[in-house]
PDB file of N, CA and C in Angstrom:
ATOM      1  N   UNK A   1     -75.373  35.175-108.479  1.00  0.00           N
ATOM      2  CA  UNK A   1     -74.719  34.277-108.055  1.00  0.00           C
ATOM      3  C   UNK A   1     -73.440  34.135-108.257  1.00  0.00           C
ATOM      4  N   UNK A   2     -72.579  33.844-106.983  1.00  0.00           N
ATOM      5  CA  UNK A   2     -71.177  34.037-107.318  1.00  0.00           C
ATOM      6  C   UNK A   2     -70.753  32.834-107.505  1.00  0.00           C
ATOM      7  N   UNK A   3     -69.360  32.630-108.324  1.00  0.00           N
ATOM      8  CA  UNK A   3     -68.918  31.420-108.850  1.00  0.00           C
ATOM      9  C   UNK A   3     -67.605  31.313-107.729  1.00  0.00           C
ATOM     10  N   UNK A   4     -67.863  30.114-107.507  1.00  0.00           N
ATOM     11  CA  UNK A   4     -66.751  29.755-106.225  1.00  0.00           C
ATOM     12  C   UNK A   4     -66.061  28.685-106.891  1.00  0.00           C
ATOM     13  N   UNK A   5     -64.318  28.890-106.980  1.00  0.00           N
ATOM     14  CA  UNK A   5     -63.722  27.874-107.095  1.00  0.00           C
ATOM     15  C   UNK A   5     -62.712  27.525-106.218  1.00  0.00           C
ATOM     16  N   UNK A   6     -62.245  25.807-106.241  1.00  0.00           N
ATOM     17  CA  UNK A   6     -61.656  25.550-105.430  1.00  0.00           C
ATOM     18  C   UNK A   6     -60.569  25.041-105.972  1.00  0.00           C
ATOM     19  N   UNK A   7     -59.450  25.402-105.450  1.00  0.00           N
ATOM     20  CA  UNK A   7     -57.691  24.516-106.303  1.00  0.00           C
ATOM     21  C   UNK A   7     -57.222  23.726-105.132  1.00  0.00           C
ATOM     22  N   UNK A   8     -56.196  22.652-105.871  1.00  0.00           N
ATOM     23  CA  UNK A   8     -55.517  21.721-104.959  1.00  0.00           C
ATOM     24  C   UNK A   8     -55.855  21.083-103.857  1.00  0.00           C
ATOM     25  N   UNK A   9     -55.529  20.662-102.695  1.00  0.00           N
ATOM     26  CA  UNK A   9     -55.938  19.709-101.860  1.00  0.00           C
ATOM     27  C   UNK A   9     -57.729  20.353-101.261  1.00  0.00           C
ATOM     28  N   UNK A  10     -57.914  21.588-101.648  1.00  0.00           N
ATOM     29  CA  UNK A  10     -59.318  21.895-101.066  1.00  0.00           C
ATOM     30  C   UNK A  10     -60.439  21.647-101.957  1.00  0.00           C
ATOM     31  N   UNK A  11     -60.053  21.173-103.339  1.00  0.00           N
ATOM     32  CA  UNK A  11     -60.944  20.768-104.453  1.00  0.00           C
ATOM     33  C   UNK A  11     -61.002  19.270-103.778  1.00  0.00           C
ATOM     34  N   UNK A  12     -59.859  18.382-103.746  1.00  0.00           N
ATOM     35  CA  UNK A  12     -59.960  17.391-103.495  1.00  0.00           C
ATOM     36  C   UNK A  12     -60.868  17.096-101.980  1.00  0.00           C
ATOM     37  N   UNK A  13     -60.826  17.617-101.197  1.00  0.00           N
ATOM     38  CA  UNK A  13     -61.403  17.597 -99.999  1.00  0.00           C
ATOM     39  C   UNK A  13     -63.052  17.761-100.466  1.00  0.00           C
ATOM     40  N   UNK A  14     -63.389  18.863-101.130  1.00  0.00           N
ATOM     41  CA  UNK A  14     -64.831  18.875-101.466  1.00  0.00           C
ATOM     42  C   UNK A  14     -65.145  17.895-102.368  1.00  0.00           C
ATOM     43  N   UNK A  15     -64.448  17.325-103.184  1.00  0.00           N
ATOM     44  CA  UNK A  15     -64.994  16.860-104.236  1.00  0.00           C
ATOM     45  C   UNK A  15     -65.352  17.658-105.673  1.00  0.00           C
ATOM     46  N   UNK A  16     -65.326  18.698-105.823  1.00  0.00           N
ATOM     47  CA  UNK A  16     -65.702  19.656-106.805  1.00  0.00           C
ATOM     48  C   UNK A  16     -64.967  20.485-106.917  1.00  0.00           C
ATOM     49  N   UNK A  17     -64.647  21.465-107.995  1.00  0.00           N
ATOM     50  CA  UNK A  17     -63.930  22.274-108.414  1.00  0.00           C
ATOM     51  C   UNK A  17     -64.531  23.565-108.610  1.00  0.00           C
ATOM     52  N   UNK A  18     -65.787  23.467-109.085  1.00  0.00           N
ATOM     53  CA  UNK A  18     -66.527  24.796-109.193  1.00  0.00           C
ATOM     54  C   UNK A  18     -67.920  24.745-108.896  1.00  0.00           C
ATOM     55  N   UNK A  19     -68.669  25.636-108.490  1.00  0.00           N
ATOM     56  CA  UNK A  19     -70.266  25.523-107.931  1.00  0.00           C
ATOM     57  C   UNK A  19     -70.607  27.621-108.074  1.00  0.00           C
ATOM     58  N   UNK A  20     -71.902  27.554-108.188  1.00  0.00           N
ATOM     59  CA  UNK A  20     -72.209  28.573-108.268  1.00  0.00           C
ATOM     60  C   UNK A  20     -73.028  28.706-107.342  1.00  0.00           C
ATOM     61  N   UNK A  21     -73.086  29.729-106.128  1.00  0.00           N
ATOM     62  CA  UNK A  21     -73.940  29.982-105.071  1.00  0.00           C
ATOM     63  C   UNK A  21     -74.216  31.555-104.599  1.00  0.00           C
ATOM     64  N   UNK A  22     -75.291  31.717-103.935  1.00  0.00           N
ATOM     65  CA  UNK A  22     -75.953  32.948-103.952  1.00  0.00           C
ATOM     66  C   UNK A  22     -75.758  33.029-102.180  1.00  0.00           C
ATOM     67  N   UNK A  23     -74.677  34.358-102.514  1.00  0.00           N
ATOM     68  CA  UNK A  23     -73.972  34.680-101.096  1.00  0.00           C
ATOM     69  C   UNK A  23     -74.107  36.471-101.452  1.00  0.00           C
ATOM     70  N   UNK A  24     -74.088  36.956-100.134  1.00  0.00           N
ATOM     71  CA  UNK A  24     -73.831  38.307-100.329  1.00  0.00           C
ATOM     72  C   UNK A  24     -72.504  38.979 -99.462  1.00  0.00           C
ATOM     73  N   UNK A  25     -71.839  37.895 -98.916  1.00  0.00           N
ATOM     74  CA  UNK A  25     -70.594  38.242 -98.300  1.00  0.00           C
ATOM     75  C   UNK A  25     -69.562  37.031 -98.232  1.00  0.00           C
ATOM     76  N   UNK A  26     -68.576  37.031 -98.235  1.00  0.00           N
ATOM     77  CA  UNK A  26     -67.600  36.067 -97.980  1.00  0.00           C
ATOM     78  C   UNK A  26     -67.794  35.474 -96.830  1.00  0.00           C
ATOM     79  N   UNK A  27     -68.107  36.133 -95.735  1.00  0.00           N
ATOM     80  CA  UNK A  27     -68.819  35.056 -94.516  1.00  0.00           C
ATOM     81  C   UNK A  27     -69.639  34.512 -94.759  1.00  0.00           C
ATOM     82  N   UNK A  28     -70.919  34.944 -95.222  1.00  0.00           N
ATOM     83  CA  UNK A  28     -71.805  34.214 -95.519  1.00  0.00           C
ATOM     84  C   UNK A  28     -71.846  33.097 -96.496  1.00  0.00           C
ATOM     85  N   UNK A  29     -70.977  33.127 -97.474  1.00  0.00           N
ATOM     86  CA  UNK A  29     -70.147  32.213 -98.375  1.00  0.00           C
ATOM     87  C   UNK A  29     -69.710  30.785 -97.681  1.00  0.00           C
ATOM     88  N   UNK A  30     -68.761  31.449 -96.708  1.00  0.00           N
ATOM     89  CA  UNK A  30     -67.958  30.132 -95.934  1.00  0.00           C
ATOM     90  C   UNK A  30     -68.951  29.784 -95.168  1.00  0.00           C
ATOM     91  N   UNK A  31     -70.148  30.087 -94.516  1.00  0.00           N
ATOM     92  CA  UNK A  31     -70.992  29.437 -93.833  1.00  0.00           C
ATOM     93  C   UNK A  31     -71.879  28.734 -94.584  1.00  0.00           C
ATOM     94  N   UNK A  32     -71.992  29.093 -95.897  1.00  0.00           N
ATOM     95  CA  UNK A  32     -72.900  27.932 -96.583  1.00  0.00           C
ATOM     96  C   UNK A  32     -72.113  26.836 -97.175  1.00  0.00           C
ATOM     97  N   UNK A  33     -70.858  26.961 -97.163  1.00  0.00           N
ATOM     98  CA  UNK A  33     -70.167  25.700 -97.992  1.00  0.00           C
ATOM     99  C   UNK A  33     -69.860  25.127 -96.645  1.00  0.00           C
ATOM    100  N   UNK A  34     -69.723  25.625 -95.165  1.00  0.00           N
ATOM    101  CA  UNK A  34     -69.627  24.961 -93.888  1.00  0.00           C
ATOM    102  C   UNK A  34     -70.646  24.279 -93.489  1.00  0.00           C
ATOM    103  N   UNK A  35     -71.800  24.602 -93.799  1.00  0.00           N
ATOM    104  CA  UNK A  35     -72.791  23.864 -93.569  1.00  0.00           C
ATOM    105  C   UNK A  35     -73.135  22.664 -94.355  1.00  0.00           C
ATOM    106  N   UNK A  36     -72.918  22.750 -95.785  1.00  0.00           N
ATOM    107  CA  UNK A  36     -72.888  21.252 -96.867  1.00  0.00           C
ATOM    108  C   UNK A  36     -71.861  20.489 -96.504  1.00  0.00           C
ATOM    109  N   UNK A  37     -70.476  20.921 -95.973  1.00  0.00           N
ATOM    110  CA  UNK A  37     -69.395  19.801 -95.682  1.00  0.00           C
ATOM    111  C   UNK A  37     -68.827  20.581 -94.826  1.00  0.00           C
ATOM    112  N   UNK A  38     -68.762  19.775 -93.814  1.00  0.00           N
ATOM    113  CA  UNK A  38     -67.860  20.260 -92.298  1.00  0.00           C
ATOM    114  C   UNK A  38     -66.399  19.832 -92.493  1.00  0.00           C
ATOM    115  N   UNK A  39     -66.238  18.945 -93.711  1.00  0.00           N
ATOM    116  CA  UNK A  39     -64.615  18.640 -93.815  1.00  0.00           C
ATOM    117  C   UNK A  39     -64.185  20.062 -94.610  1.00  0.00           C
ATOM    118  N   UNK A  40     -64.991  20.582 -95.303  1.00  0.00           N
ATOM    119  CA  UNK A  40     -64.327  21.640 -96.249  1.00  0.00           C
ATOM    120  C   UNK A  40     -64.456  22.612 -95.499  1.00  0.00           C
ATOM    121  N   UNK A  41     -65.240  23.013 -94.394  1.00  0.00           N
ATOM    122  CA  UNK A  41     -65.157  24.034 -93.460  1.00  0.00           C
ATOM    123  C   UNK A  41     -63.698  23.979 -93.075  1.00  0.00           C
ATOM    124  N   UNK A  42     -63.569  23.154 -92.221  1.00  0.00           N
ATOM    125  CA  UNK A  42     -62.216  23.050 -91.830  1.00  0.00           C
ATOM    126  C   UNK A  42     -61.024  23.052 -92.668  1.00  0.00           C
ATOM    127  N   UNK A  43     -61.056  22.598 -93.701  1.00  0.00           N
ATOM    128  CA  UNK A  43     -60.091  22.926 -94.709  1.00  0.00           C
ATOM    129  C   UNK A  43     -59.930  24.507 -95.275  1.00  0.00           C
ATOM    130  N   UNK A  44     -61.051  24.907 -94.940  1.00  0.00           N
ATOM    131  CA  UNK A  44     -61.050  26.257 -95.586  1.00  0.00           C
ATOM    132  C   UNK A  44     -60.442  27.243 -94.569  1.00  0.00           C
ATOM    133  N   UNK A  45     -60.809  26.704 -93.281  1.00  0.00           N
ATOM    134  CA  UNK A  45     -60.053  27.691 -92.160  1.00  0.00           C
ATOM    135  C   UNK A  45     -58.754  27.391 -91.514  1.00  0.00           C
ATOM    136  N   UNK A  46     -58.016  26.592 -92.471  1.00  0.00           N
ATOM    137  CA  UNK A  46     -56.847  26.235 -92.362  1.00  0.00           C
ATOM    138  C   UNK A  46     -55.764  27.376 -92.204  1.00  0.00           C
ATOM    139  N   UNK A  47     -55.145  27.376 -91.525  1.00  0.00           N
ATOM    140  CA  UNK A  47     -53.644  28.684 -91.982  1.00  0.00           C
ATOM    141  C   UNK A  47     -53.310  28.392 -93.200  1.00  0.00           C
ATOM    142  N   UNK A  48     -53.126  29.824 -93.772  1.00  0.00           N
ATOM    143  CA  UNK A  48     -52.454  29.609 -95.066  1.00  0.00           C
ATOM    144  C   UNK A  48     -53.352  29.693 -95.994  1.00  0.00           C
ATOM    145  N   UNK A  49     -54.524  29.629 -95.842  1.00  0.00           N
ATOM    146  CA  UNK A  49     -55.442  29.501 -97.382  1.00  0.00           C
ATOM    147  C   UNK A  49     -55.872  30.873 -97.371  1.00  0.00           C
ATOM    148  N   UNK A  50     -56.095  31.132 -98.519  1.00  0.00           N
ATOM    149  CA  UNK A  50     -56.171  32.448 -99.196  1.00  0.00           C
ATOM    150  C   UNK A  50     -57.449  32.589-100.093  1.00  0.00           C
ATOM    151  N   UNK A  51     -57.681  33.575-100.368  1.00  0.00           N
ATOM    152  CA  UNK A  51     -59.405  33.949-101.230  1.00  0.00           C
ATOM    153  C   UNK A  51     -58.887  35.045-101.833  1.00  0.00           C
ATOM    154  N   UNK A  52     -59.136  34.906-102.926  1.00  0.00           N
ATOM    155  CA  UNK A  52     -59.077  35.685-104.056  1.00  0.00           C
ATOM    156  C   UNK A  52     -60.555  36.109-104.710  1.00  0.00           C
ATOM    157  N   UNK A  53     -61.324  37.197-104.592  1.00  0.00           N
ATOM    158  CA  UNK A  53     -61.950  37.666-104.976  1.00  0.00           C
ATOM    159  C   UNK A  53     -62.054  38.722-106.373  1.00  0.00           C
ATOM    160  N   UNK A  54     -62.376  38.086-107.121  1.00  0.00           N
ATOM    161  CA  UNK A  54     -62.318  38.638-108.807  1.00  0.00           C
ATOM    162  C   UNK A  54     -60.860  39.121-109.220  1.00  0.00           C
ATOM    163  N   UNK A  55     -60.228  38.194-108.685  1.00  0.00           N
ATOM    164  CA  UNK A  55     -58.569  37.897-109.027  1.00  0.00           C
ATOM    165  C   UNK A  55     -57.817  38.872-108.138  1.00  0.00           C
ATOM    166  N   UNK A  56     -58.015  39.090-106.704  1.00  0.00           N
ATOM    167  CA  UNK A  56     -57.551  40.283-106.022  1.00  0.00           C
ATOM    168  C   UNK A  56     -57.110  39.252-104.764  1.00  0.00           C
ATOM    169  N   UNK A  57     -56.670  39.254-103.708  1.00  0.00           N
ATOM    170  CA  UNK A  57     -56.459  38.705-102.559  1.00  0.00           C
ATOM    171  C   UNK A  57     -56.872  39.790-101.855  1.00  0.00           C
ATOM    172  N   UNK A  58     -57.763  39.027-100.814  1.00  0.00           N
ATOM    173  CA  UNK A  58     -58.439  39.783 -99.853  1.00  0.00           C
ATOM    174  C   UNK A  58     -58.231  39.074 -98.620  1.00  0.00           C
ATOM    175  N   UNK A  59     -58.304  39.744 -97.544  1.00  0.00           N
ATOM    176  CA  UNK A  59     -58.369  39.273 -95.958  1.00  0.00           C
ATOM    177  C   UNK A  59     -59.883  39.762 -95.518  1.00  0.00           C
ATOM    178  N   UNK A  60     -60.155  39.224 -94.758  1.00  0.00           N
ATOM    179  CA  UNK A  60     -61.320  39.603 -94.011  1.00  0.00           C
ATOM    180  C   UNK A  60     -62.551  39.073 -94.594  1.00  0.00           C
ATOM    181  N   UNK A  61     -63.683  40.000 -94.324  1.00  0.00           N
ATOM    182  CA  UNK A  61     -64.939  39.810 -94.999  1.00  0.00           C
ATOM    183  C   UNK A  61     -64.947  40.746 -96.085  1.00  0.00           C
ATOM    184  N   UNK A  62     -66.032  40.831 -97.237  1.00  0.00           N
ATOM    185  CA  UNK A  62     -66.251  41.418 -98.478  1.00  0.00           C
ATOM    186  C   UNK A  62     -67.305  41.086 -98.782  1.00  0.00           C
ATOM    187  N   UNK A  63     -68.096  42.270 -99.387  1.00  0.00           N
ATOM    188  CA  UNK A  63     -69.366  42.122-100.172  1.00  0.00           C
ATOM    189  C   UNK A  63     -69.264  41.261-101.187  1.00  0.00           C
ATOM    190  N   UNK A  64     -70.233  40.875-101.819  1.00  0.00           N
ATOM    191  CA  UNK A  64     -70.070  39.973-103.264  1.00  0.00           C
ATOM    192  C   UNK A  64     -70.813  40.454-104.003  1.00  0.00           C
ATOM    193  N   UNK A  65     -70.737  40.701-105.464  1.00  0.00           N
ATOM    194  CA  UNK A  65     -71.624  41.210-106.327  1.00  0.00           C
ATOM    195  C   UNK A  65     -72.079  39.632-106.847  1.00  0.00           C
ATOM    196  N   UNK A  66     -73.397  40.060-107.622  1.00  0.00           N
ATOM    197  CA  UNK A  66     -74.006  38.855-108.143  1.00  0.00           C
ATOM    198  C   UNK A  66     -73.129  37.910-109.071  1.00  0.00           C
ATOM    199  N   UNK A  67     -71.927  38.931-110.072  1.00  0.00           N
ATOM    200  CA  UNK A  67     -71.184  38.327-110.545  1.00  0.00           C
ATOM    201  C   UNK A  67     -69.762  38.316-110.133  1.00  0.00           C
ATOM    202  N   UNK A  68     -69.738  38.137-108.774  1.00  0.00           N
ATOM    203  CA  UNK A  68     -68.485  37.808-108.174  1.00  0.00           C
ATOM    204  C   UNK A  68     -67.849  36.394-108.633  1.00  0.00           C
ATOM    205  N   UNK A  69     -66.331  36.191-108.812  1.00  0.00           N
ATOM    206  CA  UNK A  69     -65.808  35.199-108.591  1.00  0.00           C
ATOM    207  C   UNK A  69     -64.983  35.097-107.265  1.00  0.00           C
ATOM    208  N   UNK A  70     -64.949  33.846-106.341  1.00  0.00           N
ATOM    209  CA  UNK A  70     -64.049  33.476-105.454  1.00  0.00           C
ATOM    210  C   UNK A  70     -63.498  32.197-105.369  1.00  0.00           C
ATOM    211  N   UNK A  71     -62.249  32.289-105.230  1.00  0.00           N
ATOM    212  CA  UNK A  71     -61.412  31.793-105.398  1.00  0.00           C
ATOM    213  C   UNK A  71     -61.035  31.263-104.060  1.00  0.00           C
ATOM    214  N   UNK A  72     -60.643  29.933-103.565  1.00  0.00           N
ATOM    215  CA  UNK A  72     -60.199  29.795-102.155  1.00  0.00           C
ATOM    216  C   UNK A  72     -58.771  28.913-102.708  1.00  0.00           C
ATOM    217  N   UNK A  73     -57.747  29.134-102.677  1.00  0.00           N
ATOM    218  CA  UNK A  73     -56.303  28.854-102.602  1.00  0.00           C
ATOM    219  C   UNK A  73     -55.675  28.287-101.518  1.00  0.00           C
ATOM    220  N   UNK A  74     -55.250  27.181-101.430  1.00  0.00           N
ATOM    221  CA  UNK A  74     -54.549  26.078-100.559  1.00  0.00           C
ATOM    222  C   UNK A  74     -53.425  27.166-100.183  1.00  0.00           C
ATOM    223  N   UNK A  75     -52.770  26.866 -98.935  1.00  0.00           N
ATOM    224  CA  UNK A  75     -51.332  27.650 -98.663  1.00  0.00           C
ATOM    225  C   UNK A  75     -50.273  27.087 -99.928  1.00  0.00           C
ATOM    226  N   UNK A  76     -49.376  28.198 -99.879  1.00  0.00           N
ATOM    227  CA  UNK A  76     -48.494  28.137-101.088  1.00  0.00           C
ATOM    228  C   UNK A  76     -47.057  27.699-100.291  1.00  0.00           C
ATOM    229  N   UNK A  77     -46.169  27.149-101.212  1.00  0.00           N
ATOM    230  CA  UNK A  77     -44.861  27.007-100.774  1.00  0.00           C
ATOM    231  C   UNK A  77     -43.762  27.241-101.836  1.00  0.00           C
ATOM    232  N   UNK A  78     -42.998  28.022-101.296  1.00  0.00           N
ATOM    233  CA  UNK A  78     -41.866  28.085-102.214  1.00  0.00           C
ATOM    234  C   UNK A  78     -40.880  27.175-102.244  1.00  0.00           C
ATOM    235  N   UNK A  79     -39.861  27.427-103.555  1.00  0.00           N
ATOM    236  CA  UNK A  79     -38.767  26.853-103.339  1.00  0.00           C
ATOM    237  C   UNK A  79     -37.851  27.233-104.482  1.00  0.00           C
TER     238      UNK A  79
END
């Protein structure tokens, strides 16, 4: 099962910080999260949201191992 982490406003929208879910890909994981919570689905699809898979930023879809860690990161701003 993949360990799913939400940070910042994404955590606030979902009402949780960490869960374990069974999914074979990032696309499937997003579908599972969206089916459970449409508000979270919209937040994850917002511009600037990044995904880190095993602590490396990924773009697009990727396969998930049984021990994957997936972190959804809110848009960053610098200063």
